[in-house]
Amino acid sequence: MKIRVLGSGHSGGTPMIGEGWGNADPKNPKNYRTRPSIVVENDKTRILVDTSPDLRVQLLAANIEHIDAVLYTHGHADHLNGIDDLRSVNRAMNEWIPAYTDAKTWSDIVNRFNYVLEPLKNDTNVFYKPCLKRNDITVGQQFEIGDFCIGVMDQDHGFMRTLGYRINQFAYSTDVVELPEESFKTLNGIDTWMVGALWEEPHITHAHVDKVINWAERVEPNRLILTHLSHRIDYETVSKRLPEFAELAYDGMILEL
């Protein structure tokens, strides 16, 4: 099982328009961060989680032309608005792509990108637009894609809820400031946990570095990866103070379980 970090940044990316590199050293390529997406794959199945606004560049960098499914965590622009870049994947595969998320996020997709669910016109077999097959999921549900078993977790994002995913022994929790007890139970026994940690200071809608470390001390994964990092996070500076089991994500990072 392999996890590819396509984008490790927050909604503004690093550097950020108007604020530049912030605390991040521009000489370190690990501080260059595109918006958040990951790929989870094995020899048989490849799953994309979220379609960031930087998806085209990310898929080209990873040499990805085929995906078996898309999971969405929520409908915020930095996780959804690259959806149109899936058109090229449809073309390369010559197939519709199954997509999975909750009713709230499907409502966001329908309101903003309804064309991705509409049939191709005039019985054409040319993918002139992205084409997704809708699959509704709910918190607490378990389902399978290929030989991946996926559990759906509830997450508090301050003013809304997001979905976290446990995929076999890996879990992904981005855009989360608090976790309910049931979600902690879903995390029992995981090997690797990738969690959003926006800043070093507390934030109203995102967990910060110390909070994520405290969560991990409770969950006890073998490996903790901090992602969704802002331009206030310098890779070298923050890495030096992390516990041995924890590390910062960076664009292009590959994890193997």
C-alpha atoms as a PDB file:
ATOM      1  CA  MET A   1       0.000   0.000   0.000  1.00  0.00           C
ATOM      2  CA  LYS A   2       1.355   3.393  -1.016  1.00  0.00           C
ATOM      3  CA  ILE A   3       0.235   6.929  -0.152  1.00  0.00           C
ATOM      4  CA  ARG A   4       1.329   9.814  -2.385  1.00  0.00           C
ATOM      5  CA  VAL A   5       1.058  13.352  -1.052  1.00  0.00           C
ATOM      6  CA  LEU A   6       0.043  15.345  -4.108  1.00  0.00           C
ATOM      7  CA  GLY A   7      -0.397  18.564  -2.136  1.00  0.00           C
ATOM      8  CA  SER A   8       0.568  19.283   1.485  1.00  0.00           C
ATOM      9  CA  GLY A   9      -0.520  22.930   1.725  1.00  0.00           C
ATOM     10  CA  HIS A  10      -3.478  24.869   3.052  1.00  0.00           C
ATOM     11  CA  SER A  11      -6.055  26.838   1.070  1.00  0.00           C
ATOM     12  CA  GLY A  12      -3.596  29.573   0.089  1.00  0.00           C
ATOM     13  CA  GLY A  13      -0.647  27.334  -0.728  1.00  0.00           C
ATOM     14  CA  THR A  14       2.970  28.298  -0.054  1.00  0.00           C
ATOM     15  CA  PRO A  15       4.027  30.840  -1.158  1.00  0.00           C
ATOM     16  CA  MET A  16       0.695  32.568  -0.561  1.00  0.00           C
ATOM     17  CA  ILE A  17      -0.562  35.494  -2.616  1.00  0.00           C
ATOM     18  CA  GLY A  18      -0.222  38.660  -0.570  1.00  0.00           C
ATOM     19  CA  GLU A  19       1.793  37.009   2.210  1.00  0.00           C
ATOM     20  CA  GLY A  20       4.549  35.234   0.337  1.00  0.00           C
ATOM     21  CA  TRP A  21       6.573  32.569   2.139  1.00  0.00           C
ATOM     22  CA  GLY A  22       5.710  33.674   5.686  1.00  0.00           C
ATOM     23  CA  ASN A  23       7.966  31.711   8.066  1.00  0.00           C
ATOM     24  CA  ALA A  24       8.840  29.128   5.402  1.00  0.00           C
ATOM     25  CA  ASP A  25      12.349  29.214   3.949  1.00  0.00           C
ATOM     26  CA  PRO A  26      11.984  29.579   0.144  1.00  0.00           C
ATOM     27  CA  LYS A  27      15.342  27.825  -0.364  1.00  0.00           C
ATOM     28  CA  ASN A  28      13.923  24.535   0.921  1.00  0.00           C
ATOM     29  CA  PRO A  29      11.782  22.837  -1.786  1.00  0.00           C
ATOM     30  CA  LYS A  30       9.801  21.036   0.930  1.00  0.00           C
ATOM     31  CA  ASN A  31       8.295  24.415   1.856  1.00  0.00           C
ATOM     32  CA  TYR A  32       6.717  24.790  -1.604  1.00  0.00           C
ATOM     33  CA  ARG A  33       3.183  23.532  -1.030  1.00  0.00           C
ATOM     34  CA  THR A  34       0.220  23.101  -3.369  1.00  0.00           C
ATOM     35  CA  ARG A  35      -3.330  22.638  -2.167  1.00  0.00           C
ATOM     36  CA  PRO A  36      -4.365  19.377  -0.436  1.00  0.00           C
ATOM     37  CA  SER A  37      -4.880  16.093  -2.280  1.00  0.00           C
ATOM     38  CA  ILE A  38      -3.510  12.596  -1.761  1.00  0.00           C
ATOM     39  CA  VAL A  39      -3.555   9.280  -3.618  1.00  0.00           C
ATOM     40  CA  VAL A  40      -3.858   5.895  -1.890  1.00  0.00           C
ATOM     41  CA  GLU A  41      -2.962   2.916  -4.051  1.00  0.00           C
ATOM     42  CA  ASN A  42      -1.755  -0.642  -4.311  1.00  0.00           C
ATOM     43  CA  ASP A  43      -1.059  -2.915  -7.276  1.00  0.00           C
ATOM     44  CA  LYS A  44      -4.776  -3.174  -8.120  1.00  0.00           C
ATOM     45  CA  THR A  45      -6.542   0.003  -6.994  1.00  0.00           C
ATOM     46  CA  ARG A  46      -5.843   3.751  -6.958  1.00  0.00           C
ATOM     47  CA  ILE A  47      -7.996   6.183  -4.943  1.00  0.00           C
ATOM     48  CA  LEU A  48      -7.758   9.965  -5.124  1.00  0.00           C
ATOM     49  CA  VAL A  49      -8.812  11.931  -2.030  1.00  0.00           C
ATOM     50  CA  ASP A  50     -10.071  15.424  -2.929  1.00  0.00           C
ATOM     51  CA  THR A  51      -9.516  17.391  -6.133  1.00  0.00           C
ATOM     52  CA  SER A  52      -7.426  20.403  -5.218  1.00  0.00           C
ATOM     53  CA  PRO A  53      -7.264  23.507  -7.449  1.00  0.00           C
ATOM     54  CA  ASP A  54      -3.711  22.381  -8.308  1.00  0.00           C
ATOM     55  CA  LEU A  55      -4.784  18.895  -9.423  1.00  0.00           C
ATOM     56  CA  ARG A  56      -3.568  19.116 -13.024  1.00  0.00           C
ATOM     57  CA  VAL A  57      -0.007  19.945 -11.969  1.00  0.00           C
ATOM     58  CA  GLN A  58      -0.125  17.327  -9.225  1.00  0.00           C
ATOM     59  CA  LEU A  59      -1.283  14.478 -11.470  1.00  0.00           C
ATOM     60  CA  LEU A  60       1.300  15.361 -14.095  1.00  0.00           C
ATOM     61  CA  ALA A  61       4.068  15.395 -11.476  1.00  0.00           C
ATOM     62  CA  ALA A  62       2.958  11.972 -10.200  1.00  0.00           C
ATOM     63  CA  ASN A  63       2.448  10.597 -13.746  1.00  0.00           C
ATOM     64  CA  ILE A  64      -1.128   9.574 -12.906  1.00  0.00           C
ATOM     65  CA  GLU A  65      -3.624   9.028 -15.733  1.00  0.00           C
ATOM     66  CA  HIS A  66      -5.926   6.441 -14.162  1.00  0.00           C
ATOM     67  CA  ILE A  67      -7.869   6.452 -10.899  1.00  0.00           C
ATOM     68  CA  ASP A  68     -10.472   3.977  -9.692  1.00  0.00           C
ATOM     69  CA  ALA A  69     -12.387   6.330  -7.401  1.00  0.00           C
ATOM     70  CA  VAL A  70     -12.457   9.756  -5.761  1.00  0.00           C
ATOM     71  CA  LEU A  71     -13.243  10.364  -2.103  1.00  0.00           C
ATOM     72  CA  TYR A  72     -14.241  13.863  -0.984  1.00  0.00           C
ATOM     73  CA  THR A  73     -13.726  15.127   2.555  1.00  0.00           C
ATOM     74  CA  HIS A  74     -15.906  18.250   2.145  1.00  0.00           C
ATOM     75  CA  GLY A  75     -16.845  20.976  -0.312  1.00  0.00           C
ATOM     76  CA  HIS A  76     -14.394  23.781   0.453  1.00  0.00           C
ATOM     77  CA  ALA A  77     -12.712  25.204  -2.630  1.00  0.00           C
ATOM     78  CA  ASP A  78      -9.196  23.983  -1.789  1.00  0.00           C
ATOM     79  CA  HIS A  79     -10.507  20.397  -1.693  1.00  0.00           C
ATOM     80  CA  LEU A  80     -13.035  20.492  -4.534  1.00  0.00           C
ATOM     81  CA  ASN A  81     -12.392  23.133  -7.158  1.00  0.00           C
ATOM     82  CA  GLY A  82      -9.937  21.110  -9.237  1.00  0.00           C
ATOM     83  CA  ILE A  83     -12.800  18.796 -10.169  1.00  0.00           C
ATOM     84  CA  ASP A  84     -12.718  19.866 -13.820  1.00  0.00           C
ATOM     85  CA  ASP A  85      -9.196  18.443 -14.178  1.00  0.00           C
ATOM     86  CA  LEU A  86     -10.767  14.984 -13.877  1.00  0.00           C
ATOM     87  CA  ARG A  87     -11.977  15.425 -17.460  1.00  0.00           C
ATOM     88  CA  SER A  88      -8.523  14.505 -18.729  1.00  0.00           C
ATOM     89  CA  VAL A  89      -8.520  11.419 -16.521  1.00  0.00           C
ATOM     90  CA  ASN A  90     -11.917  10.407 -17.944  1.00  0.00           C
ATOM     91  CA  ARG A  91     -10.450  10.778 -21.421  1.00  0.00           C
ATOM     92  CA  ALA A  92      -7.321   8.764 -20.625  1.00  0.00           C
ATOM     93  CA  MET A  93      -9.420   5.994 -19.048  1.00  0.00           C
ATOM     94  CA  ASN A  94     -12.393   6.335 -21.419  1.00  0.00           C
ATOM     95  CA  GLU A  95     -14.593   5.715 -18.382  1.00  0.00           C
ATOM     96  CA  TRP A  96     -16.729   7.486 -15.784  1.00  0.00           C
ATOM     97  CA  ILE A  97     -15.100   7.779 -12.341  1.00  0.00           C
ATOM     98  CA  PRO A  98     -16.948   6.661  -9.182  1.00  0.00           C
ATOM     99  CA  ALA A  99     -16.986   9.383  -6.506  1.00  0.00           C
ATOM    100  CA  TYR A 100     -17.927   9.050  -2.843  1.00  0.00           C
ATOM    101  CA  THR A 101     -18.967  11.631  -0.258  1.00  0.00           C
ATOM    102  CA  ASP A 102     -21.810  12.655   2.055  1.00  0.00           C
ATOM    103  CA  ALA A 103     -25.074  14.391   1.159  1.00  0.00           C
ATOM    104  CA  LYS A 104     -23.831  17.837   2.197  1.00  0.00           C
ATOM    105  CA  THR A 105     -20.798  17.674  -0.088  1.00  0.00           C
ATOM    106  CA  TRP A 106     -22.877  16.268  -2.931  1.00  0.00           C
ATOM    107  CA  SER A 107     -25.121  19.292  -2.497  1.00  0.00           C
ATOM    108  CA  ASP A 108     -22.072  21.538  -2.892  1.00  0.00           C
ATOM    109  CA  ILE A 109     -21.027  19.645  -6.018  1.00  0.00           C
ATOM    110  CA  VAL A 110     -24.518  19.803  -7.505  1.00  0.00           C
ATOM    111  CA  ASN A 111     -24.795  23.534  -6.837  1.00  0.00           C
ATOM    112  CA  ARG A 112     -21.388  24.428  -8.267  1.00  0.00           C
ATOM    113  CA  PHE A 113     -20.428  21.633 -10.656  1.00  0.00           C
ATOM    114  CA  ASN A 114     -23.641  19.865 -11.596  1.00  0.00           C
ATOM    115  CA  TYR A 115     -22.334  19.127 -15.097  1.00  0.00           C
ATOM    116  CA  VAL A 116     -20.018  16.426 -13.718  1.00  0.00           C
ATOM    117  CA  LEU A 117     -23.091  14.271 -13.001  1.00  0.00           C
ATOM    118  CA  GLU A 118     -24.992  14.931 -16.231  1.00  0.00           C
ATOM    119  CA  PRO A 119     -24.963  12.414 -19.101  1.00  0.00           C
ATOM    120  CA  LEU A 120     -22.825  13.096 -22.141  1.00  0.00           C
ATOM    121  CA  LYS A 121     -24.916  14.806 -24.806  1.00  0.00           C
ATOM    122  CA  ASN A 122     -25.975  13.298 -28.121  1.00  0.00           C
ATOM    123  CA  ASP A 123     -24.737   9.837 -27.115  1.00  0.00           C
ATOM    124  CA  THR A 124     -21.161  10.948 -27.719  1.00  0.00           C
ATOM    125  CA  ASN A 125     -18.317   8.778 -26.480  1.00  0.00           C
ATOM    126  CA  VAL A 126     -15.958  11.766 -26.151  1.00  0.00           C
ATOM    127  CA  PHE A 127     -15.364  13.024 -22.604  1.00  0.00           C
ATOM    128  CA  TYR A 128     -15.684  16.774 -23.195  1.00  0.00           C
ATOM    129  CA  LYS A 129     -16.360  17.263 -19.458  1.00  0.00           C
ATOM    130  CA  PRO A 130     -15.565  15.440 -16.202  1.00  0.00           C
ATOM    131  CA  CYS A 131     -17.974  12.583 -15.530  1.00  0.00           C
ATOM    132  CA  LEU A 132     -18.517  11.235 -12.011  1.00  0.00           C
ATOM    133  CA  LYS A 133     -20.755   8.410 -10.775  1.00  0.00           C
ATOM    134  CA  ARG A 134     -22.429   9.528  -7.555  1.00  0.00           C
ATOM    135  CA  ASN A 135     -22.094   7.329  -4.467  1.00  0.00           C
ATOM    136  CA  ASP A 136     -23.576   8.599  -1.184  1.00  0.00           C
ATOM    137  CA  ILE A 137     -21.855   7.605   2.050  1.00  0.00           C
ATOM    138  CA  THR A 138     -22.491   8.399   5.710  1.00  0.00           C
ATOM    139  CA  VAL A 139     -20.491   8.719   8.910  1.00  0.00           C
ATOM    140  CA  GLY A 140     -19.863   5.320  10.510  1.00  0.00           C
ATOM    141  CA  GLN A 141     -20.265   3.467   7.224  1.00  0.00           C
ATOM    142  CA  GLN A 142     -17.759   0.934   5.937  1.00  0.00           C
ATOM    143  CA  PHE A 143     -17.463   0.105   2.258  1.00  0.00           C
ATOM    144  CA  GLU A 144     -14.974  -1.362  -0.172  1.00  0.00           C
ATOM    145  CA  ILE A 145     -13.204  -0.033  -3.253  1.00  0.00           C
ATOM    146  CA  GLY A 146     -11.151  -2.788  -4.811  1.00  0.00           C
ATOM    147  CA  ASP A 147      -9.430  -4.520  -1.903  1.00  0.00           C
ATOM    148  CA  PHE A 148      -9.403  -1.389   0.265  1.00  0.00           C
ATOM    149  CA  CYS A 149     -11.769  -1.366   3.250  1.00  0.00           C
ATOM    150  CA  ILE A 150     -12.810   2.226   3.982  1.00  0.00           C
ATOM    151  CA  GLY A 151     -14.313   3.568   7.199  1.00  0.00           C
ATOM    152  CA  VAL A 152     -15.970   7.004   7.282  1.00  0.00           C
ATOM    153  CA  MET A 153     -15.283   9.274  10.282  1.00  0.00           C
ATOM    154  CA  ASP A 154     -17.036  12.392  11.525  1.00  0.00           C
ATOM    155  CA  GLN A 155     -14.826  15.473  12.089  1.00  0.00           C
ATOM    156  CA  ASP A 156     -15.499  18.939  13.521  1.00  0.00           C
ATOM    157  CA  HIS A 157     -14.212  21.734  11.249  1.00  0.00           C
ATOM    158  CA  GLY A 158     -15.409  24.558  13.475  1.00  0.00           C
ATOM    159  CA  PHE A 159     -18.388  25.821  11.487  1.00  0.00           C
ATOM    160  CA  MET A 160     -19.123  22.583   9.627  1.00  0.00           C
ATOM    161  CA  ARG A 161     -18.396  18.849   9.597  1.00  0.00           C
ATOM    162  CA  THR A 162     -15.900  17.064   7.396  1.00  0.00           C
ATOM    163  CA  LEU A 163     -15.232  13.411   6.617  1.00  0.00           C
ATOM    164  CA  GLY A 164     -12.123  11.544   7.661  1.00  0.00           C
ATOM    165  CA  TYR A 165     -11.248   8.190   6.143  1.00  0.00           C
ATOM    166  CA  ARG A 166      -9.663   5.051   7.477  1.00  0.00           C
ATOM    167  CA  ILE A 167      -8.347   3.032   4.531  1.00  0.00           C
ATOM    168  CA  ASN A 168      -7.065  -0.331   5.759  1.00  0.00           C
ATOM    169  CA  GLN A 169      -4.305   0.621   8.242  1.00  0.00           C
ATOM    170  CA  PHE A 170      -3.978   4.230   7.060  1.00  0.00           C
ATOM    171  CA  ALA A 171      -6.166   7.163   8.136  1.00  0.00           C
ATOM    172  CA  TYR A 172      -6.559  10.662   6.697  1.00  0.00           C
ATOM    173  CA  SER A 173      -7.973  13.539   8.752  1.00  0.00           C
ATOM    174  CA  THR A 174      -7.737  16.946   7.160  1.00  0.00           C
ATOM    175  CA  ASP A 175      -9.638  20.145   8.051  1.00  0.00           C
ATOM    176  CA  VAL A 176     -10.412  19.089  11.603  1.00  0.00           C
ATOM    177  CA  VAL A 177     -10.281  20.970  14.890  1.00  0.00           C
ATOM    178  CA  GLU A 178     -11.979  18.389  17.148  1.00  0.00           C
ATOM    179  CA  LEU A 179     -12.685  14.663  16.888  1.00  0.00           C
ATOM    180  CA  PRO A 180     -15.694  12.928  18.477  1.00  0.00           C
ATOM    181  CA  GLU A 181     -15.184   9.752  20.484  1.00  0.00           C
ATOM    182  CA  GLU A 182     -16.589   7.512  17.755  1.00  0.00           C
ATOM    183  CA  SER A 183     -13.926   8.752  15.360  1.00  0.00           C
ATOM    184  CA  PHE A 184     -11.183   7.963  17.863  1.00  0.00           C
ATOM    185  CA  LYS A 185     -12.600   4.441  18.047  1.00  0.00           C
ATOM    186  CA  THR A 186     -12.391   4.147  14.252  1.00  0.00           C
ATOM    187  CA  LEU A 187      -8.683   4.990  14.487  1.00  0.00           C
ATOM    188  CA  ASN A 188      -7.872   2.110  16.843  1.00  0.00           C
ATOM    189  CA  GLY A 189      -4.968   0.023  15.593  1.00  0.00           C
ATOM    190  CA  ILE A 190      -3.948   2.170  12.617  1.00  0.00           C
ATOM    191  CA  ASP A 191      -0.354   2.125  11.414  1.00  0.00           C
ATOM    192  CA  THR A 192      -0.104   5.589   9.815  1.00  0.00           C
ATOM    193  CA  TRP A 193      -2.215   8.712  10.416  1.00  0.00           C
ATOM    194  CA  MET A 194      -2.059  11.830   8.241  1.00  0.00           C
ATOM    195  CA  VAL A 195      -3.619  14.841   9.973  1.00  0.00           C
ATOM    196  CA  GLY A 196      -4.080  18.506   9.111  1.00  0.00           C
ATOM    197  CA  ALA A 197      -2.059  20.899  11.318  1.00  0.00           C
ATOM    198  CA  LEU A 198      -2.392  24.420   9.958  1.00  0.00           C
ATOM    199  CA  TRP A 199      -0.283  26.487  12.349  1.00  0.00           C
ATOM    200  CA  GLU A 200       1.758  26.159  15.512  1.00  0.00           C
ATOM    201  CA  GLU A 201      -0.815  28.344  17.299  1.00  0.00           C
ATOM    202  CA  PRO A 202      -4.420  27.311  18.088  1.00  0.00           C
ATOM    203  CA  HIS A 203      -6.939  28.035  15.329  1.00  0.00           C
ATOM    204  CA  ILE A 204     -10.741  28.198  15.352  1.00  0.00           C
ATOM    205  CA  THR A 205     -11.308  25.689  12.525  1.00  0.00           C
ATOM    206  CA  HIS A 206      -8.070  23.685  12.226  1.00  0.00           C
ATOM    207  CA  ALA A 207      -5.958  21.668  14.633  1.00  0.00           C
ATOM    208  CA  HIS A 208      -2.489  23.012  15.373  1.00  0.00           C
ATOM    209  CA  VAL A 209       0.770  21.100  15.714  1.00  0.00           C
ATOM    210  CA  ASP A 210       0.662  20.400  19.462  1.00  0.00           C
ATOM    211  CA  LYS A 211      -2.999  19.343  19.389  1.00  0.00           C
ATOM    212  CA  VAL A 212      -2.301  16.800  16.640  1.00  0.00           C
ATOM    213  CA  ILE A 213       0.655  15.403  18.582  1.00  0.00           C
ATOM    214  CA  ASN A 214      -1.563  15.040  21.667  1.00  0.00           C
ATOM    215  CA  TRP A 215      -4.170  13.193  19.608  1.00  0.00           C
ATOM    216  CA  ALA A 216      -1.490  10.870  18.261  1.00  0.00           C
ATOM    217  CA  GLU A 217      -0.233  10.090  21.758  1.00  0.00           C
ATOM    218  CA  ARG A 218      -3.733   8.813  22.446  1.00  0.00           C
ATOM    219  CA  VAL A 219      -4.224   6.927  19.149  1.00  0.00           C
ATOM    220  CA  GLU A 220      -0.636   5.574  19.101  1.00  0.00           C
ATOM    221  CA  PRO A 221      -0.035   5.155  15.366  1.00  0.00           C
ATOM    222  CA  ASN A 222       3.405   3.944  14.367  1.00  0.00           C
ATOM    223  CA  ARG A 223       3.758   7.016  12.178  1.00  0.00           C
ATOM    224  CA  LEU A 224       2.143  10.464  12.262  1.00  0.00           C
ATOM    225  CA  ILE A 225       2.262  12.776   9.232  1.00  0.00           C
ATOM    226  CA  LEU A 226       1.240  16.432   9.601  1.00  0.00           C
ATOM    227  CA  THR A 227      -0.239  17.976   6.460  1.00  0.00           C
ATOM    228  CA  HIS A 228      -2.441  20.904   5.298  1.00  0.00           C
ATOM    229  CA  LEU A 229       0.455  23.119   6.393  1.00  0.00           C
ATOM    230  CA  SER A 230       0.376  26.893   6.037  1.00  0.00           C
ATOM    231  CA  HIS A 231       3.135  29.306   5.071  1.00  0.00           C
ATOM    232  CA  ARG A 232       3.677  29.869   8.816  1.00  0.00           C
ATOM    233  CA  ILE A 233       5.237  26.395   9.052  1.00  0.00           C
ATOM    234  CA  ASP A 234       8.915  26.101   8.128  1.00  0.00           C
ATOM    235  CA  TYR A 235       9.813  22.500   7.355  1.00  0.00           C
ATOM    236  CA  GLU A 236      13.201  22.372   9.071  1.00  0.00           C
ATOM    237  CA  THR A 237      12.292  24.505  12.083  1.00  0.00           C
ATOM    238  CA  VAL A 238       9.122  22.635  13.002  1.00  0.00           C
ATOM    239  CA  SER A 239      10.532  19.206  12.131  1.00  0.00           C
ATOM    240  CA  LYS A 240      13.241  19.625  14.758  1.00  0.00           C
ATOM    241  CA  ARG A 241      10.719  19.812  17.592  1.00  0.00           C
ATOM    242  CA  LEU A 242       8.494  16.909  16.553  1.00  0.00           C
ATOM    243  CA  PRO A 243       8.586  13.601  18.433  1.00  0.00           C
ATOM    244  CA  GLU A 244      10.375  10.711  16.786  1.00  0.00           C
ATOM    245  CA  PHE A 245       7.186   9.139  15.409  1.00  0.00           C
ATOM    246  CA  ALA A 246       5.999  12.358  13.706  1.00  0.00           C
ATOM    247  CA  GLU A 247       7.031  14.230  10.564  1.00  0.00           C
ATOM    248  CA  LEU A 248       5.795  16.936   8.220  1.00  0.00           C
ATOM    249  CA  ALA A 249       4.320  16.113   4.832  1.00  0.00           C
ATOM    250  CA  TYR A 250       5.673  17.689   1.660  1.00  0.00           C
ATOM    251  CA  ASP A 251       4.545  17.687  -1.958  1.00  0.00           C
ATOM    252  CA  GLY A 252       5.693  14.486  -3.652  1.00  0.00           C
ATOM    253  CA  MET A 253       6.147  12.544  -0.402  1.00  0.00           C
ATOM    254  CA  ILE A 254       5.535   8.795  -0.760  1.00  0.00           C
ATOM    255  CA  LEU A 255       4.679   6.544   2.196  1.00  0.00           C
ATOM    256  CA  GLU A 256       4.663   2.752   2.036  1.00  0.00           C
ATOM    257  CA  LEU A 257       2.798   0.558   4.487  1.00  0.00           C
END
